[in-house]
Protein backbone atom coordinates (compact mmCIF):
# COMPACT_ATOMS: atom_id res chain seq x y z
CA MET A 1 0.00 0.00 0.00
CA THR A 2 1.28 3.43 -0.91
CA ARG A 3 0.26 6.28 1.31
CA GLY A 4 0.57 9.93 0.51
CA VAL A 5 -1.14 13.26 0.20
CA LEU A 6 -2.86 13.69 -3.17
CA SER A 7 -3.85 17.27 -2.63
CA GLN A 8 -4.29 19.82 0.08
CA GLN A 9 -5.85 23.22 0.20
CA ALA A 10 -6.32 25.89 2.84
CA VAL A 11 -9.90 26.24 4.04
CA PRO A 12 -11.17 29.80 3.48
CA SER A 13 -12.69 31.43 6.54
CA THR A 14 -15.98 31.85 4.63
CA THR A 15 -16.59 28.10 4.24
CA ASN A 16 -15.81 24.76 5.91
CA GLU A 17 -13.71 21.62 5.41
CA ALA A 18 -16.46 19.62 3.71
CA LYS A 19 -17.02 22.24 0.99
CA THR A 20 -13.29 22.53 0.43
CA ALA A 21 -13.00 18.72 0.25
CA ALA A 22 -15.70 18.70 -2.46
CA GLU A 23 -13.62 21.19 -4.45
CA ILE A 24 -10.50 19.06 -4.08
CA LEU A 25 -12.34 15.92 -5.20
CA LYS A 26 -13.11 17.65 -8.50
CA THR A 27 -9.38 18.03 -9.16
CA ILE A 28 -8.19 14.45 -8.63
CA VAL A 29 -9.10 11.11 -10.22
CA VAL A 30 -10.81 9.01 -7.57
CA LYS A 31 -12.95 6.68 -9.70
CA GLY A 32 -12.94 3.17 -8.31
CA ARG A 33 -11.47 4.25 -4.98
CA LEU A 34 -12.86 4.33 -1.48
CA VAL A 35 -12.95 7.79 0.08
CA THR A 36 -13.02 7.82 3.88
CA GLY A 37 -13.66 10.62 6.32
CA ASP A 38 -14.81 11.36 9.81
CA ALA A 39 -18.30 12.51 10.78
CA MET A 40 -17.56 16.08 9.69
CA PHE A 41 -17.64 14.89 6.05
CA CYS A 42 -20.95 13.04 6.30
CA GLN A 43 -22.85 15.68 4.36
CA ARG A 44 -25.15 15.21 1.38
CA GLU A 45 -23.27 17.53 -1.01
CA LEU A 46 -19.91 15.86 -0.42
CA CYS A 47 -21.32 12.32 -0.56
CA GLU A 48 -23.13 13.09 -3.83
CA GLU A 49 -19.91 14.50 -5.29
CA ILE A 50 -18.09 11.27 -4.41
CA VAL A 51 -20.80 8.96 -5.76
CA ASP A 52 -21.18 11.04 -8.95
CA SER A 53 -17.43 10.66 -9.59
CA GLY A 54 -17.71 6.86 -9.53
CA ASP A 55 -16.39 6.40 -6.02
CA ASP A 56 -17.65 4.84 -2.87
CA ASN A 57 -17.50 6.55 0.48
CA LEU A 58 -17.17 5.46 4.07
CA PHE A 59 -17.97 8.11 6.66
CA VAL A 60 -18.75 7.98 10.35
CA VAL A 61 -22.32 8.85 11.36
CA LYS A 62 -22.73 10.11 14.91
CA VAL A 63 -25.67 10.80 17.19
CA ASN A 64 -25.70 14.50 16.25
CA GLN A 65 -27.35 13.40 12.97
CA PRO A 66 -30.22 11.34 14.42
CA GLU A 67 -32.29 10.96 11.25
CA LEU A 68 -29.32 9.84 9.18
CA LYS A 69 -28.12 7.51 11.95
CA ALA A 70 -31.58 5.91 12.16
CA ALA A 71 -31.74 5.48 8.36
CA VAL A 72 -28.33 3.81 8.28
CA ALA A 73 -29.14 1.62 11.29
CA ALA A 74 -32.35 0.46 9.60
CA ASP A 75 -30.29 -0.95 6.72
CA PHE A 76 -28.07 -2.98 9.06
CA GLN A 77 -30.14 -5.34 11.12
CA PRO A 78 -28.58 -7.11 14.13
CA GLY A 79 -28.61 -10.44 12.20
CA PHE A 80 -25.57 -9.29 10.23
CA SER A 81 -23.44 -9.05 13.36
CA PRO A 82 -21.80 -12.18 14.80
CA ARG A 83 -22.46 -10.67 18.22
CA TYR A 84 -26.22 -11.06 17.69
CA ARG A 85 -26.23 -14.21 15.54
CA LYS A 86 -28.01 -17.17 17.09
CA PRO A 87 -25.95 -20.39 17.02
CA ALA A 88 -27.13 -23.24 14.81
CA THR A 89 -29.10 -26.02 16.50
CA GLY A 90 -26.85 -28.32 18.48
CA VAL A 91 -23.93 -25.92 18.53
CA THR A 92 -22.65 -24.73 21.88
CA VAL A 93 -21.18 -21.26 22.07
């Protein structure tokens, strides 16, 4: 794995990091890549920019976005987690 900085840009005082990140994404080829970010980047405009460019995104959703958190949680039922999976008949856990 190669790690490095593809681009960086100062954030103007009239905007925020997510809007600046959307601008940067327009300047680099990210098709077929996974873009990650913390909860600050979990905003519709930025996510749409990533998806429209052919990428996937992985962002953290926190409790300060309750509607989004509930929508995401509804797509991931407890049955997908080994922690909640019931053992098969006759198997002791």
